[in-house]
């Protein structure tokens, strides 16, 4: 079946690609294997020079790459530029810090010398989603390549031009052939890649279901995995928060990437004394957000969802939730069932067992809960199968930090919208996955943490 690049705003097919053949897949795997044998021996200076150039290429051609993102998945152009610039930042970050992160770690023992050496594994397969089609790849690729590994990308089938453009970045700045390759293949081919002995580990960003399948396949092959899966992040607003100011932040937090972000705030948990006031202010700010053509209208806040079927799925989730007792405080929704546009909506009166209580809503639908007090708010926040991110909003910073420690998530922000930063580890707990990306922890995920013990031959 052909792989198509479809503009989600116009629903028009922009380009069609034939999937890689079995022979092309074999050739790609062998190129990766050959590249690794040479790349693993390069110095950090050599790797750093090339990675710095990759960052410079992205920063110097932001509009070119941003337009590909906007064309394929509907992200407003200004946000797409921000994504490209963030990719440049992560390249520059690891170009600067990788050597220090992977230097031998001396351990005092009875040996003459004992230390941990961090050595590359080989070809790392990345199975990546469409919602941040550049960022989620570069946050894997920059540390993996700097560690001496090589990368194989199986990108989401609706962003083939993004996949090819990312390989273009690495090729253009001089990375050796085979160091980073994009494979245009369907999801059924992933099993073949995982089972191939030349693939040494797998990283996946995507749904809980996809993560479970990849983890199972890799487990059968005794191969390391890192999974960054779904999230239903809590946005906890305490009674002492500045309601008007936080309500504006809340609307922004829900509409990150048109709500199609694992770390976008999804569940808004309000202390009872300010719940009514906050809800009114929140709805007002959601209604102010503008939409339009992501490629041609610079002054918009959100675009369409990435595909028509995703908008239809979100519509179905809302309808099932209302049928189960939830109430639409702000209707929003999908005005045309044949188009990907979905206006912001707010659901309230959500009880356990309701789809809105249990499922991740990957689009601009806010789920609102009322808590009796701060401890009840934390209970509601933790009553979720997911644990990726969360935030606590309060005028009492000390109390905010205390409550942040109680939230079961990989990252909790106090008085700030959850975001990723190259210097900080990123990942989740519970059904949101395991392992970490970014920071020094991320670059150490796909290396052999080898113990080396040296004794005096005279002893």
Protein backbone atom coordinates (compact mmCIF):
# COMPACT_ATOMS: atom_id res chain seq x y z
CA UNK A 1 0.00 0.00 0.00
CA UNK A 2 1.44 3.44 -0.93
CA UNK A 3 2.53 5.84 1.82
CA UNK A 4 0.81 9.18 1.36
CA UNK A 5 1.57 12.69 2.52
CA UNK A 6 -1.83 14.36 3.06
CA UNK A 7 -2.37 17.99 4.02
CA UNK A 8 -4.82 17.74 6.96
CA UNK A 9 -6.17 21.27 6.38
CA UNK A 10 -7.16 20.68 2.74
CA UNK A 11 -7.34 16.87 2.92
CA UNK A 12 -5.41 16.80 -0.36
CA UNK A 13 -2.73 14.22 -1.17
CA UNK A 14 0.55 16.11 -1.58
CA UNK A 15 2.91 13.24 -2.38
CA UNK A 16 2.81 9.46 -2.66
CA UNK A 17 5.69 7.13 -1.89
CA UNK A 18 6.16 3.43 -2.48
CA UNK A 19 7.17 1.55 0.68
CA UNK A 20 10.67 0.13 0.82
CA UNK A 21 10.98 -3.34 -0.67
CA UNK A 22 12.45 -6.30 1.20
CA UNK A 23 15.69 -5.82 -0.74
CA UNK A 24 15.82 -2.11 0.13
CA UNK A 25 15.25 -2.90 3.80
CA UNK A 26 18.09 -5.43 3.72
CA UNK A 27 20.41 -2.91 2.09
CA UNK A 28 19.48 -0.30 4.71
CA UNK A 29 20.25 -2.68 7.56
CA UNK A 30 23.60 -3.62 6.07
CA UNK A 31 24.52 0.04 5.55
CA UNK A 32 23.71 0.64 9.22
CA UNK A 33 25.86 -2.28 10.29
CA UNK A 34 28.77 -1.13 8.14
CA UNK A 35 28.45 2.46 9.31
CA UNK A 36 28.46 1.42 12.96
CA UNK A 37 31.77 -0.41 12.68
CA UNK A 38 33.45 2.82 11.62
CA UNK A 39 31.32 5.35 13.53
CA UNK A 40 31.89 3.68 16.91
CA UNK A 41 35.63 4.38 16.61
CA UNK A 42 35.28 8.10 15.90
CA UNK A 43 36.29 10.63 18.53
CA UNK A 44 33.85 12.82 20.40
CA UNK A 45 35.39 15.78 18.60
CA UNK A 46 34.51 14.29 15.22
CA UNK A 47 30.96 13.49 16.30
CA UNK A 48 30.53 16.84 18.00
CA UNK A 49 31.65 18.75 14.91
CA UNK A 50 29.04 17.01 12.76
CA UNK A 51 26.26 17.30 15.35
CA UNK A 52 26.98 21.01 15.74
CA UNK A 53 26.61 21.34 11.97
CA UNK A 54 23.28 19.48 12.11
CA UNK A 55 22.03 22.00 14.66
CA UNK A 56 23.29 24.86 12.50
CA UNK A 57 21.53 23.40 9.45
CA UNK A 58 18.22 23.32 11.31
CA UNK A 59 18.65 26.80 12.80
CA UNK A 60 19.69 28.26 9.47
CA UNK A 61 16.80 26.78 7.47
CA UNK A 62 13.95 26.93 9.95
CA UNK A 63 11.26 27.94 7.46
CA UNK A 64 12.15 25.16 5.02
CA UNK A 65 11.77 22.40 7.60
CA UNK A 66 8.85 24.06 9.43
CA UNK A 67 6.77 24.14 6.25
CA UNK A 68 7.18 20.39 5.82
CA UNK A 69 5.92 19.85 9.38
CA UNK A 70 2.92 22.15 8.88
CA UNK A 71 2.08 20.63 5.51
CA UNK A 72 2.00 17.05 6.76
CA UNK A 73 0.45 17.26 10.22
CA UNK A 74 -1.27 20.64 10.42
CA UNK A 75 0.85 22.39 13.05
CA UNK A 76 0.60 26.22 12.88
CA UNK A 77 3.72 27.50 11.15
CA UNK A 78 4.93 29.54 14.13
CA UNK A 79 4.79 26.42 16.31
CA UNK A 80 6.54 24.39 13.63
CA UNK A 81 9.38 26.90 13.59
CA UNK A 82 9.63 26.55 17.35
CA UNK A 83 9.87 22.77 16.95
CA UNK A 84 12.70 23.05 14.42
CA UNK A 85 14.61 25.47 16.63
CA UNK A 86 14.22 23.11 19.58
CA UNK A 87 15.73 20.34 17.46
CA UNK A 88 18.67 22.61 16.71
CA UNK A 89 19.04 23.19 20.44
CA UNK A 90 19.15 19.47 21.29
CA UNK A 91 21.80 18.89 18.61
CA UNK A 92 23.93 21.70 20.02
CA UNK A 93 23.35 20.48 23.58
CA UNK A 94 24.65 16.97 22.98
CA UNK A 95 27.44 18.22 20.73
CA UNK A 96 28.64 20.18 23.76
CA UNK A 97 27.93 17.74 26.60
CA UNK A 98 28.06 14.17 25.28
CA UNK A 99 31.74 13.62 26.00
CA UNK A 100 31.35 14.66 29.64
CA UNK A 101 28.22 12.52 30.04
CA UNK A 102 30.02 9.43 28.74
CA UNK A 103 33.46 9.84 30.23
CA UNK A 104 34.77 6.89 32.24
CA UNK A 105 33.32 6.89 35.75
CA UNK A 106 35.95 5.97 38.30
CA UNK A 107 34.82 3.69 41.16
CA UNK A 108 37.03 3.16 44.20
CA UNK A 109 37.53 -0.55 44.92
CA UNK A 110 40.42 -2.84 45.89
CA UNK A 111 41.57 -2.85 42.25
CA UNK A 112 44.46 -0.78 40.95
CA UNK A 113 41.80 0.89 38.88
CA UNK A 114 38.11 0.16 38.37
CA UNK A 115 35.71 2.19 36.31
CA UNK A 116 32.51 2.17 34.25
CA UNK A 117 32.97 2.62 30.51
CA UNK A 118 30.02 3.72 28.36
CA UNK A 119 30.19 2.07 24.93
CA UNK A 120 27.76 2.14 21.97
CA UNK A 121 25.48 -0.77 21.15
CA UNK A 122 24.97 -0.50 17.40
CA UNK A 123 21.90 0.24 15.29
CA UNK A 124 19.01 1.68 17.32
CA UNK A 125 15.53 1.47 15.80
CA UNK A 126 13.28 4.44 16.50
CA UNK A 127 9.53 4.03 15.95
CA UNK A 128 8.21 7.57 16.03
CA UNK A 129 4.81 9.36 15.91
CA UNK A 130 3.51 12.24 13.86
CA UNK A 131 2.61 14.86 16.48
CA UNK A 132 6.10 16.34 16.89
CA UNK A 133 7.57 14.79 13.75
CA UNK A 134 11.00 16.44 14.05
CA UNK A 135 11.46 16.90 17.81
CA UNK A 136 10.68 13.36 18.85
CA UNK A 137 13.21 12.06 16.33
CA UNK A 138 16.01 14.49 17.14
CA UNK A 139 15.69 14.01 20.89
CA UNK A 140 16.51 10.35 20.20
CA UNK A 141 18.98 10.82 17.36
CA UNK A 142 21.25 13.48 18.85
CA UNK A 143 22.25 11.50 21.97
CA UNK A 144 22.24 8.13 20.17
CA UNK A 145 24.62 9.28 17.45
CA UNK A 146 26.83 11.17 19.87
CA UNK A 147 27.15 7.96 21.92
CA UNK A 148 28.53 6.20 18.82
CA UNK A 149 25.35 4.38 17.79
CA UNK A 150 23.66 4.62 14.41
CA UNK A 151 19.96 5.33 13.88
CA UNK A 152 17.16 3.68 11.92
CA UNK A 153 13.89 5.62 11.74
CA UNK A 154 10.48 4.08 11.14
CA UNK A 155 8.36 7.22 11.19
CA UNK A 156 4.57 7.50 11.24
CA UNK A 157 3.18 6.81 7.78
CA UNK A 158 1.45 10.20 7.49
CA UNK A 159 4.73 12.18 7.76
CA UNK A 160 6.99 10.61 5.10
CA UNK A 161 8.35 13.97 3.92
CA UNK A 162 9.40 14.78 7.49
CA UNK A 163 11.17 11.40 7.73
CA UNK A 164 13.13 12.03 4.55
CA UNK A 165 13.92 15.63 5.51
CA UNK A 166 15.42 14.48 8.82
CA UNK A 167 17.76 12.08 7.05
CA UNK A 168 18.55 14.93 4.66
CA UNK A 169 19.79 17.03 7.61
CA UNK A 170 22.32 14.40 8.66
CA UNK A 171 23.40 13.61 5.11
CA UNK A 172 23.80 17.25 4.18
CA UNK A 173 26.18 18.11 7.03
CA UNK A 174 28.49 15.17 6.40
CA UNK A 175 27.50 12.27 8.64
CA UNK A 176 28.87 9.07 7.06
CA UNK A 177 26.49 7.06 4.89
CA UNK A 178 24.31 4.80 7.01
CA UNK A 179 24.70 6.71 10.28
CA UNK A 180 21.08 7.81 10.15
CA UNK A 181 18.51 6.34 7.76
CA UNK A 182 14.77 6.75 7.34
CA UNK A 183 12.80 3.72 6.20
CA UNK A 184 9.43 4.36 4.54
CA UNK A 185 7.64 1.21 5.66
CA UNK A 186 4.36 0.17 7.24
CA UNK A 187 3.99 -0.86 10.86
CA UNK A 188 3.94 -4.56 9.92
CA UNK A 189 7.64 -4.35 8.98
CA UNK A 190 8.65 -3.29 12.49
CA UNK A 191 8.59 -6.88 13.73
CA UNK A 192 11.08 -7.90 11.03
CA UNK A 193 13.43 -5.08 12.03
CA UNK A 194 13.25 -5.88 15.74
CA UNK A 195 14.05 -9.52 15.06
CA UNK A 196 17.06 -8.69 12.89
CA UNK A 197 20.30 -9.25 14.81
CA UNK A 198 21.78 -6.04 13.41
CA UNK A 199 19.21 -3.99 15.35
CA UNK A 200 20.40 -3.82 18.96
CA UNK A 201 17.69 -1.80 20.73
CA UNK A 202 14.38 -0.03 20.14
CA UNK A 203 12.89 3.26 21.24
CA UNK A 204 9.23 4.08 20.68
CA UNK A 205 7.10 7.13 21.24
CA UNK A 206 3.43 6.40 20.69
CA UNK A 207 0.32 4.78 22.06
CA UNK A 208 0.07 2.33 24.94
CA UNK A 209 -0.95 -0.42 22.53
CA UNK A 210 1.98 0.17 20.18
CA UNK A 211 4.36 0.27 23.13
CA UNK A 212 3.10 -3.05 24.46
CA UNK A 213 3.59 -4.73 21.07
CA UNK A 214 7.09 -3.36 20.56
CA UNK A 215 8.13 -4.20 24.13
CA UNK A 216 6.85 -7.75 23.72
CA UNK A 217 8.68 -8.27 20.43
CA UNK A 218 11.90 -6.77 21.76
CA UNK A 219 11.60 -8.75 24.98
CA UNK A 220 11.46 -11.98 23.02
CA UNK A 221 14.70 -10.94 21.35
CA UNK A 222 16.28 -9.80 24.66
CA UNK A 223 16.70 -6.26 23.36
CA UNK A 224 16.60 -3.03 25.35
CA UNK A 225 13.61 -0.71 24.87
CA UNK A 226 12.70 2.82 25.91
CA UNK A 227 8.99 3.65 25.71
CA UNK A 228 7.40 7.10 25.88
CA UNK A 229 3.68 6.44 25.69
CA UNK A 230 0.42 8.24 26.35
CA UNK A 231 -0.28 10.78 29.01
CA UNK A 232 -3.30 12.31 30.70
CA UNK A 233 -1.49 15.06 32.56
CA UNK A 234 -3.11 16.66 35.59
CA UNK A 235 -3.25 20.44 35.89
CA UNK A 236 -3.94 21.00 39.60
CA UNK A 237 -5.21 24.46 40.58
CA UNK A 238 -5.23 25.24 44.29
CA UNK A 239 -7.57 27.72 45.91
CA UNK A 240 -4.81 30.28 46.48
CA UNK A 241 -3.85 30.49 42.79
CA UNK A 242 -4.40 33.59 40.65
CA UNK A 243 -7.51 32.38 38.84
CA UNK A 244 -7.47 34.75 35.86
CA UNK A 245 -3.76 34.32 35.17
CA UNK A 246 -3.78 30.54 35.58
CA UNK A 247 -6.92 30.16 33.43
CA UNK A 248 -5.00 31.75 30.53
CA UNK A 249 -2.12 29.36 31.10
CA UNK A 250 -4.57 26.47 31.24
CA UNK A 251 -5.98 27.24 27.80
CA UNK A 252 -2.46 27.39 26.38
CA UNK A 253 -1.52 24.16 28.13
CA UNK A 254 -4.50 22.29 26.69
CA UNK A 255 -4.01 23.58 23.16
CA UNK A 256 -0.30 22.78 22.79
CA UNK A 257 -0.02 21.32 19.28
CA UNK A 258 -3.84 21.46 19.00
CA UNK A 259 -3.99 19.25 22.07
CA UNK A 260 -2.01 16.52 20.31
CA UNK A 261 0.80 16.29 22.81
CA UNK A 262 1.55 13.59 25.35
CA UNK A 263 2.43 16.31 27.87
CA UNK A 264 -0.39 18.71 27.06
CA UNK A 265 -2.52 19.29 30.17
CA UNK A 266 -5.64 17.16 29.83
CA UNK A 267 -7.22 16.80 33.28
CA UNK A 268 -7.91 20.08 35.08
CA UNK A 269 -8.37 19.45 38.79
CA UNK A 270 -9.76 22.45 40.68
CA UNK A 271 -10.08 23.04 44.42
CA UNK A 272 -13.77 23.58 45.15
CA UNK A 273 -13.63 27.23 46.35
CA UNK A 274 -12.36 28.50 42.98
CA UNK A 275 -13.84 25.86 40.67
CA UNK A 276 -16.79 27.84 39.30
CA UNK A 277 -14.78 31.03 38.77
CA UNK A 278 -11.91 29.18 37.15
CA UNK A 279 -14.14 27.16 34.84
CA UNK A 280 -15.79 30.31 33.49
CA UNK A 281 -12.44 32.01 32.89
CA UNK A 282 -10.99 28.86 31.35
CA UNK A 283 -13.87 28.51 28.87
CA UNK A 284 -13.58 32.18 27.93
CA UNK A 285 -9.89 31.77 27.12
CA UNK A 286 -10.48 28.58 25.15
CA UNK A 287 -13.11 30.33 23.04
CA UNK A 288 -10.67 33.16 22.23
CA UNK A 289 -8.29 30.82 20.44
CA UNK A 290 -8.17 31.21 16.67
CA UNK A 291 -7.82 28.61 13.94
CA UNK A 292 -7.09 28.80 10.22
CA UNK A 293 -4.73 27.57 7.52
CA UNK A 294 -1.53 26.49 9.32
CA UNK A 295 0.66 27.24 6.30
CA UNK A 296 -0.75 30.63 5.37
CA UNK A 297 -2.20 32.25 8.49
CA UNK A 298 0.49 33.24 10.98
CA UNK A 299 -1.98 34.55 13.55
CA UNK A 300 -3.64 31.31 14.67
CA UNK A 301 -3.49 29.34 17.89
CA UNK A 302 -4.43 25.88 16.63
CA UNK A 303 -4.81 24.01 13.38
CA UNK A 304 -6.71 20.88 12.36
CA UNK A 305 -5.93 17.54 13.92
CA UNK A 306 -3.35 15.57 11.95
CA UNK A 307 -5.89 13.29 10.22
CA UNK A 308 -9.65 13.12 9.70
CA UNK A 309 -9.88 9.75 11.46
CA UNK A 310 -8.25 11.25 14.56
CA UNK A 311 -10.95 13.93 14.72
CA UNK A 312 -13.61 11.25 14.28
CA UNK A 313 -12.10 9.20 17.13
CA UNK A 314 -12.08 12.23 19.41
CA UNK A 315 -15.71 12.97 18.51
CA UNK A 316 -16.58 9.40 19.42
CA UNK A 317 -14.81 9.73 22.79
CA UNK A 318 -16.76 12.89 23.62
CA UNK A 319 -20.08 11.33 22.59
CA UNK A 320 -19.45 8.19 24.65
CA UNK A 321 -18.45 10.29 27.64
CA UNK A 322 -21.61 12.41 27.46
CA UNK A 323 -23.73 9.28 27.07
CA UNK A 324 -22.10 7.97 30.26
CA UNK A 325 -23.03 11.10 32.24
CA UNK A 326 -20.41 13.76 31.53
CA UNK A 327 -21.58 17.25 30.60
CA UNK A 328 -20.38 19.52 27.81
CA UNK A 329 -19.57 22.86 29.44
CA UNK A 330 -18.06 24.12 26.16
CA UNK A 331 -19.33 22.31 23.10
CA UNK A 332 -16.66 22.88 20.47
CA UNK A 333 -16.13 19.66 18.54
CA UNK A 334 -15.83 18.59 14.91
CA UNK A 335 -18.02 20.80 12.70
CA UNK A 336 -17.59 18.62 9.60
CA UNK A 337 -17.25 14.82 9.97
CA UNK A 338 -15.22 14.69 6.75
CA UNK A 339 -12.59 17.21 7.92
CA UNK A 340 -9.90 17.18 10.60
CA UNK A 341 -10.84 20.48 12.27
CA UNK A 342 -11.90 20.15 15.92
CA UNK A 343 -12.77 23.18 18.06
CA UNK A 344 -11.86 23.30 21.78
CA UNK A 345 -14.35 21.64 24.14
CA UNK A 346 -14.69 21.21 27.92
CA UNK A 347 -16.23 18.23 29.73
CA UNK A 348 -17.32 18.31 33.39
CA UNK A 349 -19.11 15.97 35.83
CA UNK A 350 -16.78 13.09 34.99
CA UNK A 351 -17.08 10.06 37.25
CA UNK A 352 -14.92 6.92 37.53
CA UNK A 353 -15.83 4.47 34.81
CA UNK A 354 -16.58 7.23 32.30
CA UNK A 355 -14.44 7.10 29.14
CA UNK A 356 -13.21 10.62 29.97
CA UNK A 357 -11.98 9.33 33.33
CA UNK A 358 -10.05 6.39 31.92
CA UNK A 359 -8.85 7.34 28.41
CA UNK A 360 -6.35 9.76 26.94
CA UNK A 361 -8.05 12.49 24.86
CA UNK A 362 -5.54 13.38 22.14
CA UNK A 363 -6.97 16.66 20.95
CA UNK A 364 -8.41 19.96 22.27
CA UNK A 365 -10.86 18.53 24.82
CA UNK A 366 -10.34 19.58 28.46
CA UNK A 367 -11.54 17.29 31.25
CA UNK A 368 -12.49 19.16 34.43
CA UNK A 369 -12.70 17.70 37.95
CA UNK A 370 -13.55 19.39 41.26
CA UNK A 371 -11.60 18.43 44.40
CA UNK A 372 -12.61 19.00 48.01
CA UNK A 373 -9.09 20.10 48.98
CA UNK A 374 -5.44 19.82 47.92
CA UNK A 375 -5.04 16.23 49.12
CA UNK A 376 -8.18 15.22 47.23
CA UNK A 377 -6.77 16.94 44.13
CA UNK A 378 -3.62 14.83 44.35
CA UNK A 379 -5.75 11.70 44.81
CA UNK A 380 -7.66 12.50 41.61
CA UNK A 381 -4.42 13.33 39.78
CA UNK A 382 -2.97 9.93 40.69
CA UNK A 383 -6.16 8.00 39.93
CA UNK A 384 -5.07 7.44 36.34
CA UNK A 385 -3.32 4.66 34.45
CA UNK A 386 -0.92 7.28 33.05
CA UNK A 387 1.99 9.09 34.66
CA UNK A 388 3.88 11.24 32.18
CA UNK A 389 3.66 14.84 33.42
CA UNK A 390 1.64 17.15 35.61
CA UNK A 391 1.58 20.63 37.09
CA UNK A 392 0.56 22.30 40.37
CA UNK A 393 -0.53 25.95 40.48
CA UNK A 394 -0.38 27.84 43.77
CA UNK A 395 0.89 31.08 45.31
CA UNK A 396 2.70 29.03 47.96
CA UNK A 397 5.86 27.74 46.24
CA UNK A 398 6.94 25.58 49.19
CA UNK A 399 3.54 23.87 49.31
CA UNK A 400 3.60 23.45 45.54
CA UNK A 401 6.90 21.56 45.73
CA UNK A 402 5.59 19.33 48.52
CA UNK A 403 2.52 18.43 46.48
CA UNK A 404 4.61 17.95 43.30
CA UNK A 405 6.49 15.14 45.08
CA UNK A 406 3.17 13.37 45.64
CA UNK A 407 2.10 13.39 41.97
CA UNK A 408 2.87 10.07 40.27
CA UNK A 409 4.52 11.28 37.07
CA UNK A 410 7.87 11.51 35.33
CA UNK A 411 7.84 15.32 35.49
CA UNK A 412 5.87 17.77 37.62
CA UNK A 413 6.07 21.52 37.12
CA UNK A 414 5.07 24.06 39.77
CA UNK A 415 3.45 27.22 38.36
CA UNK A 416 4.60 26.40 34.82
CA UNK A 417 3.33 24.48 31.81
CA UNK A 418 4.97 21.07 31.42
CA UNK A 419 7.67 21.12 28.74
CA UNK A 420 10.76 19.13 27.77
CA UNK A 421 14.27 20.52 28.03
CA UNK A 422 17.48 18.85 26.79
CA UNK A 423 19.07 19.24 30.23
CA UNK A 424 16.29 17.40 32.08
CA UNK A 425 15.24 13.74 31.80
CA UNK A 426 11.96 13.08 30.02
CA UNK A 427 9.75 10.00 30.38
CA UNK A 428 6.93 8.48 32.38
CA UNK A 429 5.77 5.89 34.87
CA UNK A 430 2.81 3.49 34.93
CA UNK A 431 1.21 3.10 31.47
CA UNK A 432 3.13 6.15 30.21
CA UNK A 433 6.20 4.00 29.67
CA UNK A 434 9.69 3.56 31.04
CA UNK A 435 13.23 4.74 30.43
CA UNK A 436 14.34 8.31 29.95
CA UNK A 437 15.23 10.57 27.06
CA UNK A 438 17.29 13.77 27.22
CA UNK A 439 19.82 14.86 29.87
CA UNK A 440 22.74 12.64 30.82
CA UNK A 441 20.27 9.86 31.66
CA UNK A 442 18.97 9.76 28.10
CA UNK A 443 22.35 9.34 26.44
CA UNK A 444 23.13 6.47 28.82
CA UNK A 445 20.04 4.44 27.87
CA UNK A 446 21.56 2.95 24.71
CA UNK A 447 25.11 2.20 25.79
CA UNK A 448 26.85 -0.76 27.34
CA UNK A 449 27.61 0.34 30.89
CA UNK A 450 30.70 -1.82 31.13
CA UNK A 451 32.68 -2.53 34.29
CA UNK A 452 36.45 -2.57 33.74
CA UNK A 453 38.65 -3.89 36.57
CA UNK A 454 42.41 -3.54 36.51
CA UNK A 455 44.74 -5.44 38.87
CA UNK A 456 48.50 -5.27 39.30
CA UNK A 457 50.05 -8.27 37.47
CA UNK A 458 52.54 -8.65 40.34
CA UNK A 459 49.86 -9.26 42.93
